[in-house]
Amino acid sequence: MVEGTGSAAIAQYKVLGGMILLSIVTSVMNRRLRLELEQILPTEDVNALLQTTDVIALLPESTQVQVRELFGRGYNLQMKIMIGCAAIQLPSTLLMWTKKPTMVEK
């Protein structure tokens, strides 16, 4: 019974950690995007763009390319952070692995 509770707690912490990490990564990307977008667009356009990417279609063609490149770099940054955090979790996952799982009698 205790082992089941421990496994469930670990699973719950992983989900919670993933949610926290996702919010951190989104915050980092939005901050970086805002700073870079404000160099090429007026503040009101940046605010509208961060609310919905449909605004990209309303921008001039050359600006659309720049904005799409910035969003692409932001997405790549998110993936790098997520991969790094997944790699950090690998040792703890390996420490939980056992050759012979513990069986509980009913």
C-alpha atoms as a PDB file:
ATOM      1  CA  MET A   1       0.000   0.000   0.000  1.00  0.00           C
ATOM      2  CA  VAL A   2       2.795   2.410   0.882  1.00  0.00           C
ATOM      3  CA  GLU A   3       4.602   1.766  -2.408  1.00  0.00           C
ATOM      4  CA  GLY A   4       1.454   2.513  -4.396  1.00  0.00           C
ATOM      5  CA  THR A   5       1.018   5.766  -2.538  1.00  0.00           C
ATOM      6  CA  GLY A   6       4.659   6.662  -3.181  1.00  0.00           C
ATOM      7  CA  SER A   7       4.332   5.926  -6.891  1.00  0.00           C
ATOM      8  CA  ALA A   8       1.158   7.986  -7.110  1.00  0.00           C
ATOM      9  CA  ALA A   9       2.845  10.863  -5.287  1.00  0.00           C
ATOM     10  CA  ILE A  10       5.780  10.752  -7.702  1.00  0.00           C
ATOM     11  CA  ALA A  11       3.414  10.796 -10.670  1.00  0.00           C
ATOM     12  CA  GLN A  12       1.508  13.725  -9.184  1.00  0.00           C
ATOM     13  CA  TYR A  13       4.724  15.682  -8.569  1.00  0.00           C
ATOM     14  CA  LYS A  14       5.836  15.063 -12.149  1.00  0.00           C
ATOM     15  CA  VAL A  15       2.560  16.448 -13.486  1.00  0.00           C
ATOM     16  CA  LEU A  16       2.750  19.438 -11.146  1.00  0.00           C
ATOM     17  CA  GLY A  17       6.380  20.027 -12.104  1.00  0.00           C
ATOM     18  CA  GLY A  18       5.478  19.866 -15.789  1.00  0.00           C
ATOM     19  CA  MET A  19       2.743  22.444 -15.310  1.00  0.00           C
ATOM     20  CA  ILE A  20       5.065  24.772 -13.424  1.00  0.00           C
ATOM     21  CA  LEU A  21       7.762  24.329 -16.057  1.00  0.00           C
ATOM     22  CA  LEU A  22       5.293  25.051 -18.850  1.00  0.00           C
ATOM     23  CA  SER A  23       4.211  28.284 -17.180  1.00  0.00           C
ATOM     24  CA  ILE A  24       7.843  29.341 -16.694  1.00  0.00           C
ATOM     25  CA  VAL A  25       8.725  28.567 -20.313  1.00  0.00           C
ATOM     26  CA  THR A  26       5.674  30.457 -21.597  1.00  0.00           C
ATOM     27  CA  SER A  27       6.548  33.446 -19.428  1.00  0.00           C
ATOM     28  CA  VAL A  28      10.154  33.466 -20.673  1.00  0.00           C
ATOM     29  CA  MET A  29       9.035  33.265 -24.300  1.00  0.00           C
ATOM     30  CA  ASN A  30       6.412  36.009 -23.938  1.00  0.00           C
ATOM     31  CA  ARG A  31       8.881  38.361 -22.265  1.00  0.00           C
ATOM     32  CA  ARG A  32      11.524  37.756 -24.909  1.00  0.00           C
ATOM     33  CA  LEU A  33       8.988  38.071 -27.736  1.00  0.00           C
ATOM     34  CA  ARG A  34       7.649  41.322 -26.348  1.00  0.00           C
ATOM     35  CA  LEU A  35      11.142  42.851 -26.137  1.00  0.00           C
ATOM     36  CA  GLU A  36      12.044  41.802 -29.676  1.00  0.00           C
ATOM     37  CA  LEU A  37       8.676  42.698 -31.211  1.00  0.00           C
ATOM     38  CA  GLU A  38       8.771  46.188 -29.696  1.00  0.00           C
ATOM     39  CA  GLN A  39      11.885  46.855 -31.767  1.00  0.00           C
ATOM     40  CA  ILE A  40       9.967  46.388 -35.031  1.00  0.00           C
ATOM     41  CA  LEU A  41       6.321  47.165 -34.137  1.00  0.00           C
ATOM     42  CA  PRO A  42       4.377  49.808 -32.212  1.00  0.00           C
ATOM     43  CA  THR A  43       3.362  48.817 -28.673  1.00  0.00           C
ATOM     44  CA  GLU A  44      -0.363  48.519 -29.511  1.00  0.00           C
ATOM     45  CA  ASP A  45       0.448  46.106 -32.366  1.00  0.00           C
ATOM     46  CA  VAL A  46       2.660  44.053 -30.038  1.00  0.00           C
ATOM     47  CA  ASN A  47      -0.134  43.835 -27.467  1.00  0.00           C
ATOM     48  CA  ALA A  48      -2.628  42.760 -30.129  1.00  0.00           C
ATOM     49  CA  LEU A  49      -0.159  40.239 -31.541  1.00  0.00           C
ATOM     50  CA  LEU A  50       0.476  38.652 -28.156  1.00  0.00           C
ATOM     51  CA  GLN A  51      -3.288  38.217 -27.732  1.00  0.00           C
ATOM     52  CA  THR A  52      -3.792  36.521 -31.102  1.00  0.00           C
ATOM     53  CA  THR A  53      -1.471  35.661 -33.948  1.00  0.00           C
ATOM     54  CA  ASP A  54      -4.266  36.457 -36.444  1.00  0.00           C
ATOM     55  CA  VAL A  55      -2.863  40.010 -36.378  1.00  0.00           C
ATOM     56  CA  ILE A  56       0.146  38.814 -38.395  1.00  0.00           C
ATOM     57  CA  ALA A  57      -2.016  38.745 -41.542  1.00  0.00           C
ATOM     58  CA  LEU A  58      -2.708  42.490 -41.124  1.00  0.00           C
ATOM     59  CA  LEU A  59       0.984  43.425 -41.115  1.00  0.00           C
ATOM     60  CA  PRO A  60       3.071  44.325 -44.182  1.00  0.00           C
ATOM     61  CA  GLU A  61       4.684  41.318 -45.906  1.00  0.00           C
ATOM     62  CA  SER A  62       8.256  42.129 -44.804  1.00  0.00           C
ATOM     63  CA  THR A  63       7.134  42.597 -41.204  1.00  0.00           C
ATOM     64  CA  GLN A  64       5.185  39.316 -41.324  1.00  0.00           C
ATOM     65  CA  VAL A  65       8.398  37.464 -42.150  1.00  0.00           C
ATOM     66  CA  GLN A  66      10.251  39.106 -39.255  1.00  0.00           C
ATOM     67  CA  VAL A  67       7.429  38.379 -36.800  1.00  0.00           C
ATOM     68  CA  ARG A  68       7.202  34.742 -37.887  1.00  0.00           C
ATOM     69  CA  GLU A  69      10.955  34.357 -37.441  1.00  0.00           C
ATOM     70  CA  LEU A  70      10.710  35.820 -33.927  1.00  0.00           C
ATOM     71  CA  PHE A  71       7.898  33.427 -33.009  1.00  0.00           C
ATOM     72  CA  GLY A  72       9.925  30.539 -34.452  1.00  0.00           C
ATOM     73  CA  ARG A  73      12.956  31.464 -32.349  1.00  0.00           C
ATOM     74  CA  GLY A  74      10.717  31.786 -29.280  1.00  0.00           C
ATOM     75  CA  TYR A  75       9.290  28.320 -29.914  1.00  0.00           C
ATOM     76  CA  ASN A  76      12.800  26.905 -30.309  1.00  0.00           C
ATOM     77  CA  LEU A  77      13.793  28.490 -26.991  1.00  0.00           C
ATOM     78  CA  GLN A  78      10.804  26.836 -25.324  1.00  0.00           C
ATOM     79  CA  MET A  79      11.789  23.437 -26.726  1.00  0.00           C
ATOM     80  CA  LYS A  80      15.405  23.823 -25.596  1.00  0.00           C
ATOM     81  CA  ILE A  81      14.318  24.623 -22.036  1.00  0.00           C
ATOM     82  CA  MET A  82      11.839  21.705 -21.988  1.00  0.00           C
ATOM     83  CA  ILE A  83      14.476  19.273 -23.327  1.00  0.00           C
ATOM     84  CA  GLY A  84      16.977  20.497 -20.751  1.00  0.00           C
ATOM     85  CA  CYS A  85      14.519  19.945 -17.912  1.00  0.00           C
ATOM     86  CA  ALA A  86      13.608  16.496 -19.237  1.00  0.00           C
ATOM     87  CA  ALA A  87      17.303  15.612 -19.289  1.00  0.00           C
ATOM     88  CA  ILE A  88      17.632  16.771 -15.686  1.00  0.00           C
ATOM     89  CA  GLN A  89      14.810  14.383 -14.696  1.00  0.00           C
ATOM     90  CA  LEU A  90      16.505  11.365 -16.279  1.00  0.00           C
ATOM     91  CA  PRO A  91      18.792  10.538 -13.308  1.00  0.00           C
ATOM     92  CA  SER A  92      15.877  10.500 -10.854  1.00  0.00           C
ATOM     93  CA  THR A  93      13.925   8.240 -13.188  1.00  0.00           C
ATOM     94  CA  LEU A  94      16.870   5.855 -13.442  1.00  0.00           C
ATOM     95  CA  LEU A  95      17.187   5.764  -9.649  1.00  0.00           C
ATOM     96  CA  MET A  96      13.580   4.514  -9.385  1.00  0.00           C
ATOM     97  CA  TRP A  97      14.131   1.644 -11.840  1.00  0.00           C
ATOM     98  CA  THR A  98      14.530  -1.855 -10.419  1.00  0.00           C
ATOM     99  CA  LYS A  99      15.191  -5.163 -12.161  1.00  0.00           C
ATOM    100  CA  LYS A 100      12.660  -7.023 -10.068  1.00  0.00           C
ATOM    101  CA  PRO A 101       9.546  -5.003  -9.230  1.00  0.00           C
ATOM    102  CA  THR A 102       8.102  -5.412  -5.755  1.00  0.00           C
ATOM    103  CA  MET A 103       4.915  -7.454  -5.792  1.00  0.00           C
ATOM    104  CA  VAL A 104       2.186  -6.880  -3.228  1.00  0.00           C
ATOM    105  CA  GLU A 105       0.036  -9.835  -2.215  1.00  0.00           C
ATOM    106  CA  LYS A 106      -3.716  -9.371  -2.074  1.00  0.00           C
END
